[in-house]
C-alpha atoms as a PDB file:
ATOM      1  CA  MET A   1       0.000   0.000   0.000  1.00  0.00           C
ATOM      2  CA  ARG A   2       1.326   3.431  -0.954  1.00  0.00           C
ATOM      3  CA  TRP A   3      -0.028   5.174   2.165  1.00  0.00           C
ATOM      4  CA  LYS A   4       0.540   2.967   5.179  1.00  0.00           C
ATOM      5  CA  LYS A   5      -1.123   4.992   7.931  1.00  0.00           C
ATOM      6  CA  ILE A   6      -4.431   5.875   6.282  1.00  0.00           C
ATOM      7  CA  SER A   7      -7.404   4.743   8.361  1.00  0.00           C
ATOM      8  CA  ASP A   8     -10.201   2.739   6.805  1.00  0.00           C
ATOM      9  CA  ALA A   9     -12.615   5.525   7.764  1.00  0.00           C
ATOM     10  CA  VAL A  10     -10.749   7.907   5.458  1.00  0.00           C
ATOM     11  CA  VAL A  11     -10.648   5.364   2.632  1.00  0.00           C
ATOM     12  CA  ARG A  12     -14.413   4.802   2.971  1.00  0.00           C
ATOM     13  CA  ARG A  13     -15.073   8.507   2.380  1.00  0.00           C
ATOM     14  CA  LEU A  14     -12.916   8.833  -0.735  1.00  0.00           C
ATOM     15  CA  PRO A  15     -15.463   7.112  -3.023  1.00  0.00           C
ATOM     16  CA  LEU A  16     -18.122   9.532  -1.740  1.00  0.00           C
ATOM     17  CA  TYR A  17     -15.978  12.465  -2.816  1.00  0.00           C
ATOM     18  CA  LEU A  18     -15.261  10.772  -6.130  1.00  0.00           C
ATOM     19  CA  ARG A  19     -18.972  10.203  -6.794  1.00  0.00           C
ATOM     20  CA  VAL A  20     -19.693  13.901  -6.230  1.00  0.00           C
ATOM     21  CA  LEU A  21     -16.839  14.966  -8.501  1.00  0.00           C
ATOM     22  CA  GLU A  22     -17.899  12.598 -11.270  1.00  0.00           C
ATOM     23  CA  GLU A  23     -21.455  13.910 -11.107  1.00  0.00           C
ATOM     24  CA  VAL A  24     -20.274  17.524 -11.225  1.00  0.00           C
ATOM     25  CA  SER A  25     -17.766  16.862 -14.015  1.00  0.00           C
ATOM     26  CA  ARG A  26     -20.628  15.993 -16.379  1.00  0.00           C
ATOM     27  CA  ASP A  27     -21.114  19.754 -16.612  1.00  0.00           C
ATOM     28  CA  GLU A  28     -18.231  20.695 -18.877  1.00  0.00           C
ATOM     29  CA  ASP A  29     -18.465  24.323 -17.822  1.00  0.00           C
ATOM     30  CA  ARG A  30     -17.919  23.453 -14.157  1.00  0.00           C
ATOM     31  CA  LYS A  31     -14.224  23.735 -13.328  1.00  0.00           C
ATOM     32  CA  LEU A  32     -13.941  24.407  -9.591  1.00  0.00           C
ATOM     33  CA  MET A  33     -15.556  23.209  -6.359  1.00  0.00           C
ATOM     34  CA  SER A  34     -15.071  24.380  -2.791  1.00  0.00           C
ATOM     35  CA  SER A  35     -14.536  22.065   0.158  1.00  0.00           C
ATOM     36  CA  GLN A  36     -17.809  23.489   1.532  1.00  0.00           C
ATOM     37  CA  GLU A  37     -19.816  22.255  -1.461  1.00  0.00           C
ATOM     38  CA  LEU A  38     -17.940  18.972  -1.719  1.00  0.00           C
ATOM     39  CA  GLY A  39     -18.593  18.300   1.957  1.00  0.00           C
ATOM     40  CA  GLU A  40     -22.279  19.179   1.723  1.00  0.00           C
ATOM     41  CA  ARG A  41     -22.801  16.926  -1.272  1.00  0.00           C
ATOM     42  CA  ALA A  42     -20.861  14.063   0.362  1.00  0.00           C
ATOM     43  CA  GLY A  43     -22.575  14.490   3.725  1.00  0.00           C
ATOM     44  CA  VAL A  44     -19.507  15.496   5.762  1.00  0.00           C
ATOM     45  CA  SER A  45     -18.013  18.747   7.059  1.00  0.00           C
ATOM     46  CA  PRO A  46     -15.696  20.812   4.815  1.00  0.00           C
ATOM     47  CA  ALA A  47     -12.998  20.518   7.483  1.00  0.00           C
ATOM     48  CA  LEU A  48     -13.150  16.727   7.218  1.00  0.00           C
ATOM     49  CA  VAL A  49     -12.902  16.931   3.420  1.00  0.00           C
ATOM     50  CA  ARG A  50      -9.736  19.019   3.701  1.00  0.00           C
ATOM     51  CA  LYS A  51      -8.276  16.741   6.380  1.00  0.00           C
ATOM     52  CA  ASP A  52      -8.994  13.568   4.389  1.00  0.00           C
ATOM     53  CA  LEU A  53      -7.500  14.889   1.172  1.00  0.00           C
ATOM     54  CA  ALA A  54      -4.436  16.315   2.950  1.00  0.00           C
ATOM     55  CA  TRP A  55      -3.275  12.740   3.665  1.00  0.00           C
ATOM     56  CA  PHE A  56      -2.594  12.319  -0.053  1.00  0.00           C
ATOM     57  CA  GLY A  57      -1.250  15.709  -1.092  1.00  0.00           C
ATOM     58  CA  GLU A  58      -2.174  19.315  -1.783  1.00  0.00           C
ATOM     59  CA  PHE A  59      -5.095  19.419  -4.190  1.00  0.00           C
ATOM     60  CA  GLY A  60      -6.811  22.766  -3.588  1.00  0.00           C
ATOM     61  CA  LYS A  61      -5.975  26.417  -3.317  1.00  0.00           C
ATOM     62  CA  GLN A  62      -7.233  28.599  -0.478  1.00  0.00           C
ATOM     63  CA  GLY A  63      -9.978  30.899  -1.676  1.00  0.00           C
ATOM     64  CA  VAL A  64     -10.207  29.067  -4.992  1.00  0.00           C
ATOM     65  CA  GLY A  65     -11.149  25.469  -4.204  1.00  0.00           C
ATOM     66  CA  TYR A  66     -10.458  22.236  -6.032  1.00  0.00           C
ATOM     67  CA  GLU A  67     -10.133  21.768  -9.761  1.00  0.00           C
ATOM     68  CA  VAL A  68     -12.899  19.221 -10.382  1.00  0.00           C
ATOM     69  CA  SER A  69     -11.343  17.157 -13.168  1.00  0.00           C
ATOM     70  CA  TYR A  70      -7.901  17.068 -11.554  1.00  0.00           C
ATOM     71  CA  LEU A  71      -9.170  15.982  -8.130  1.00  0.00           C
ATOM     72  CA  ARG A  72     -11.462  13.400  -9.746  1.00  0.00           C
ATOM     73  CA  ASP A  73      -8.547  11.869 -11.636  1.00  0.00           C
ATOM     74  CA  GLU A  74      -6.309  11.924  -8.575  1.00  0.00           C
ATOM     75  CA  LEU A  75      -8.907  10.164  -6.438  1.00  0.00           C
ATOM     76  CA  ARG A  76      -9.353   7.515  -9.102  1.00  0.00           C
ATOM     77  CA  ARG A  77      -5.588   6.967  -9.044  1.00  0.00           C
ATOM     78  CA  ILE A  78      -5.459   6.842  -5.230  1.00  0.00           C
ATOM     79  CA  LEU A  79      -8.293   4.296  -5.172  1.00  0.00           C
ATOM     80  CA  ASN A  80      -6.647   2.207  -7.910  1.00  0.00           C
ATOM     81  CA  LEU A  81      -9.615   2.920 -10.181  1.00  0.00           C
ATOM     82  CA  ASP A  82      -7.572   4.283 -13.066  1.00  0.00           C
ATOM     83  CA  GLU A  83      -7.426   0.775 -14.576  1.00  0.00           C
ATOM     84  CA  LYS A  84     -10.007  -1.982 -14.988  1.00  0.00           C
ATOM     85  CA  ILE A  85     -10.513  -4.172 -11.922  1.00  0.00           C
ATOM     86  CA  ARG A  86     -11.719  -7.723 -12.598  1.00  0.00           C
ATOM     87  CA  VAL A  87     -14.030  -9.378 -10.084  1.00  0.00           C
ATOM     88  CA  ALA A  88     -15.095 -12.975  -9.440  1.00  0.00           C
ATOM     89  CA  LEU A  89     -18.475 -13.697  -7.864  1.00  0.00           C
ATOM     90  CA  VAL A  90     -18.939 -16.922  -5.885  1.00  0.00           C
ATOM     91  CA  GLY A  91     -22.480 -18.107  -5.226  1.00  0.00           C
ATOM     92  CA  VAL A  92     -24.786 -17.630  -8.214  1.00  0.00           C
ATOM     93  CA  GLY A  93     -28.129 -17.716  -6.418  1.00  0.00           C
ATOM     94  CA  SER A  94     -30.779 -15.002  -6.633  1.00  0.00           C
ATOM     95  CA  LEU A  95     -28.566 -12.352  -5.022  1.00  0.00           C
ATOM     96  CA  GLY A  96     -25.502 -13.320  -7.058  1.00  0.00           C
ATOM     97  CA  GLN A  97     -27.482 -13.151 -10.296  1.00  0.00           C
ATOM     98  CA  ALA A  98     -28.968  -9.781  -9.369  1.00  0.00           C
ATOM     99  CA  LEU A  99     -25.533  -8.345  -8.534  1.00  0.00           C
ATOM    100  CA  THR A 100     -24.128  -9.648 -11.814  1.00  0.00           C
ATOM    101  CA  ARG A 101     -26.913  -8.006 -13.813  1.00  0.00           C
ATOM    102  CA  TYR A 102     -26.557  -4.778 -11.862  1.00  0.00           C
ATOM    103  CA  ASN A 103     -22.809  -4.715 -12.471  1.00  0.00           C
ATOM    104  CA  LYS A 104     -23.303  -5.371 -16.188  1.00  0.00           C
ATOM    105  CA  ASN A 105     -25.768  -2.506 -16.490  1.00  0.00           C
ATOM    106  CA  ARG A 106     -23.552  -0.172 -14.471  1.00  0.00           C
ATOM    107  CA  THR A 107     -20.452  -0.804 -16.552  1.00  0.00           C
ATOM    108  CA  GLU A 108     -22.420  -0.353 -19.777  1.00  0.00           C
ATOM    109  CA  GLN A 109     -24.102   2.879 -18.695  1.00  0.00           C
ATOM    110  CA  ASP A 110     -21.122   4.466 -16.949  1.00  0.00           C
ATOM    111  CA  ARG A 111     -17.804   4.084 -18.732  1.00  0.00           C
ATOM    112  CA  SER A 112     -15.942   5.548 -15.772  1.00  0.00           C
ATOM    113  CA  PHE A 113     -17.065   2.624 -13.589  1.00  0.00           C
ATOM    114  CA  ASN A 114     -14.473  -0.025 -14.378  1.00  0.00           C
ATOM    115  CA  ILE A 115     -14.983  -2.624 -11.635  1.00  0.00           C
ATOM    116  CA  GLU A 116     -16.354  -5.515 -13.665  1.00  0.00           C
ATOM    117  CA  ILE A 117     -17.538  -9.018 -12.782  1.00  0.00           C
ATOM    118  CA  VAL A 118     -15.769 -11.313 -15.236  1.00  0.00           C
ATOM    119  CA  ALA A 119     -16.159 -14.771 -13.645  1.00  0.00           C
ATOM    120  CA  LEU A 120     -18.937 -16.659 -11.830  1.00  0.00           C
ATOM    121  CA  PHE A 121     -18.589 -19.699  -9.585  1.00  0.00           C
ATOM    122  CA  ASP A 122     -20.955 -22.064  -7.806  1.00  0.00           C
ATOM    123  CA  ASN A 123     -20.917 -25.543  -6.261  1.00  0.00           C
ATOM    124  CA  ASP A 124     -24.213 -26.641  -7.835  1.00  0.00           C
ATOM    125  CA  PRO A 125     -23.453 -28.923 -10.844  1.00  0.00           C
ATOM    126  CA  SER A 126     -26.835 -28.070 -12.393  1.00  0.00           C
ATOM    127  CA  LYS A 127     -25.607 -24.488 -12.883  1.00  0.00           C
ATOM    128  CA  PHE A 128     -22.284 -25.303 -14.539  1.00  0.00           C
ATOM    129  CA  GLY A 129     -22.093 -23.979 -18.089  1.00  0.00           C
ATOM    130  CA  LYS A 130     -25.132 -21.739 -17.748  1.00  0.00           C
ATOM    131  CA  THR A 131     -24.534 -18.042 -18.340  1.00  0.00           C
ATOM    132  CA  ILE A 132     -25.568 -14.825 -16.629  1.00  0.00           C
ATOM    133  CA  GLU A 133     -25.049 -11.728 -18.780  1.00  0.00           C
ATOM    134  CA  GLY A 134     -22.783 -13.768 -21.025  1.00  0.00           C
ATOM    135  CA  ILE A 135     -20.572 -15.044 -18.185  1.00  0.00           C
ATOM    136  CA  ALA A 136     -20.403 -18.823 -17.790  1.00  0.00           C
ATOM    137  CA  ILE A 137     -20.838 -20.342 -14.329  1.00  0.00           C
ATOM    138  CA  ARG A 138     -17.890 -22.543 -13.334  1.00  0.00           C
ATOM    139  CA  PRO A 139     -17.255 -24.892 -10.413  1.00  0.00           C
ATOM    140  CA  VAL A 140     -15.482 -23.377  -7.414  1.00  0.00           C
ATOM    141  CA  SER A 141     -12.711 -25.929  -7.939  1.00  0.00           C
ATOM    142  CA  GLU A 142     -11.628 -23.894 -10.995  1.00  0.00           C
ATOM    143  CA  LEU A 143     -11.381 -20.646  -9.036  1.00  0.00           C
ATOM    144  CA  ALA A 144      -7.589 -20.451  -8.697  1.00  0.00           C
ATOM    145  CA  GLN A 145      -7.052 -21.278 -12.360  1.00  0.00           C
ATOM    146  CA  VAL A 146      -9.534 -18.680 -13.618  1.00  0.00           C
ATOM    147  CA  VAL A 147      -8.264 -15.997 -11.232  1.00  0.00           C
ATOM    148  CA  LYS A 148      -4.802 -16.429 -12.701  1.00  0.00           C
ATOM    149  CA  GLU A 149      -5.983 -16.587 -16.308  1.00  0.00           C
ATOM    150  CA  LEU A 150      -8.207 -13.502 -16.125  1.00  0.00           C
ATOM    151  CA  GLY A 151      -6.185 -11.461 -13.648  1.00  0.00           C
ATOM    152  CA  VAL A 152      -8.996 -11.295 -11.105  1.00  0.00           C
ATOM    153  CA  GLN A 153      -8.207  -8.964  -8.200  1.00  0.00           C
ATOM    154  CA  MET A 154     -11.408  -8.876  -6.164  1.00  0.00           C
ATOM    155  CA  ALA A 155     -14.176 -11.285  -5.149  1.00  0.00           C
ATOM    156  CA  ILE A 156     -17.833 -11.038  -4.151  1.00  0.00           C
ATOM    157  CA  VAL A 157     -19.116 -13.830  -1.908  1.00  0.00           C
ATOM    158  CA  THR A 158     -22.879 -14.507  -1.952  1.00  0.00           C
ATOM    159  CA  VAL A 159     -23.119 -17.976  -0.428  1.00  0.00           C
ATOM    160  CA  PRO A 160     -24.986 -19.206   2.689  1.00  0.00           C
ATOM    161  CA  ALA A 161     -23.346 -18.473   6.035  1.00  0.00           C
ATOM    162  CA  ASP A 162     -22.332 -22.086   6.654  1.00  0.00           C
ATOM    163  CA  GLN A 163     -20.341 -22.154   3.402  1.00  0.00           C
ATOM    164  CA  ALA A 164     -18.807 -18.704   3.560  1.00  0.00           C
ATOM    165  CA  GLN A 165     -15.582 -19.456   5.455  1.00  0.00           C
ATOM    166  CA  VAL A 166     -14.651 -22.368   3.169  1.00  0.00           C
ATOM    167  CA  VAL A 167     -15.334 -20.241   0.104  1.00  0.00           C
ATOM    168  CA  VAL A 168     -13.361 -17.289   1.448  1.00  0.00           C
ATOM    169  CA  ASP A 169     -10.454 -19.615   2.275  1.00  0.00           C
ATOM    170  CA  ALA A 170     -10.464 -20.738  -1.373  1.00  0.00           C
ATOM    171  CA  VAL A 171     -10.656 -17.136  -2.575  1.00  0.00           C
ATOM    172  CA  VAL A 172      -7.674 -16.155  -0.432  1.00  0.00           C
ATOM    173  CA  GLN A 173      -5.764 -19.251  -1.549  1.00  0.00           C
ATOM    174  CA  ALA A 174      -6.349 -18.150  -5.145  1.00  0.00           C
ATOM    175  CA  GLY A 175      -4.492 -14.920  -4.398  1.00  0.00           C
ATOM    176  CA  ILE A 176      -7.356 -12.476  -3.962  1.00  0.00           C
ATOM    177  CA  ARG A 177      -6.885  -9.863  -1.238  1.00  0.00           C
ATOM    178  CA  ALA A 178     -10.106  -7.815  -1.480  1.00  0.00           C
ATOM    179  CA  ILE A 179     -13.466  -9.453  -0.722  1.00  0.00           C
ATOM    180  CA  LEU A 180     -17.022  -8.127  -0.538  1.00  0.00           C
ATOM    181  CA  ASN A 181     -18.995 -10.524   1.653  1.00  0.00           C
ATOM    182  CA  PHE A 182     -22.792 -10.807   1.714  1.00  0.00           C
ATOM    183  CA  ALA A 183     -22.918 -13.900   3.945  1.00  0.00           C
ATOM    184  CA  PRO A 184     -24.311 -13.088   7.430  1.00  0.00           C
ATOM    185  CA  THR A 185     -21.332 -14.400   9.360  1.00  0.00           C
ATOM    186  CA  LYS A 186     -17.983 -13.331  10.770  1.00  0.00           C
ATOM    187  CA  LEU A 187     -15.085 -14.343   8.543  1.00  0.00           C
ATOM    188  CA  VAL A 188     -11.479 -15.009   9.520  1.00  0.00           C
ATOM    189  CA  VAL A 189      -8.858 -13.976   6.985  1.00  0.00           C
ATOM    190  CA  PRO A 190      -5.067 -13.591   7.067  1.00  0.00           C
ATOM    191  CA  GLU A 191      -3.374 -10.249   7.613  1.00  0.00           C
ATOM    192  CA  GLY A 192      -3.274  -8.291   4.381  1.00  0.00           C
ATOM    193  CA  VAL A 193      -6.672  -9.517   3.186  1.00  0.00           C
ATOM    194  CA  HIS A 194      -9.452  -6.929   3.364  1.00  0.00           C
ATOM    195  CA  VAL A 195     -13.100  -7.944   3.806  1.00  0.00           C
ATOM    196  CA  ALA A 196     -16.091  -5.621   3.592  1.00  0.00           C
ATOM    197  CA  SER A 197     -19.357  -7.180   4.779  1.00  0.00           C
ATOM    198  CA  ALA A 198     -22.854  -6.174   3.718  1.00  0.00           C
ATOM    199  CA  ASP A 199     -25.534  -7.725   5.939  1.00  0.00           C
ATOM    200  CA  LEU A 200     -28.978  -6.682   4.683  1.00  0.00           C
ATOM    201  CA  SER A 201     -30.810  -8.320   7.601  1.00  0.00           C
ATOM    202  CA  LEU A 202     -28.806  -6.428  10.210  1.00  0.00           C
ATOM    203  CA  GLU A 203     -29.353  -3.112   8.451  1.00  0.00           C
ATOM    204  CA  LEU A 204     -33.108  -3.681   8.242  1.00  0.00           C
ATOM    205  CA  GLN A 205     -33.216  -4.621  11.915  1.00  0.00           C
ATOM    206  CA  ARG A 206     -31.248  -1.484  12.786  1.00  0.00           C
ATOM    207  CA  LEU A 207     -33.675   0.677  10.840  1.00  0.00           C
ATOM    208  CA  ALA A 208     -36.631  -0.945  12.574  1.00  0.00           C
ATOM    209  CA  TYR A 209     -35.518   0.752  15.813  1.00  0.00           C
ATOM    210  CA  TYR A 210     -36.512   4.141  14.389  1.00  0.00           C
ATOM    211  CA  LEU A 211     -40.027   3.218  13.299  1.00  0.00           C
ATOM    212  CA  ASP A 212     -41.636   4.582  16.493  1.00  0.00           C
ATOM    213  CA  ASP A 213     -40.142   8.052  16.137  1.00  0.00           C
END
């Protein structure tokens, strides 16, 4: 990693800033943006915007603001989004299929979004050879081979909780160090492997708390 001491909280906010900048950059006449506006659009304070960006260099000028296209390109570089990132999805059930279709639509509609699902895996023999958005479903046993052949760098795991650890172990063994996990369970991974978990049930239960307000 190029910046060793950056907290995950900072890294989580960078894509928010990038999203705002990409939206604004669609207006070709828009050249500059203040930290005040960037913060408001991203949902954080302008002071936090300045503090976050200062970890990576000097991007703005006092009294002038940030050059939109330059900061957008720099954030894409910092986030390793300046080149295509290939993703494998393991677990081609209803959620896996929906995510694959969503990703296909996103990459087709937004050329700047270059994180693309290129390989699908499942343990159900009845699914082998079938395709989702033109991508053939392969057995998990072929994961390491396909990761190497296609240069896969990231994985999405959408398998049941009782299968998740075994699948993640295989993903890590294949050389992947960035995993998005949808299984509702705690995963154990080696140092240097980064897991982001999305648990829809927990989020819905959290929101239910506020229904009596």
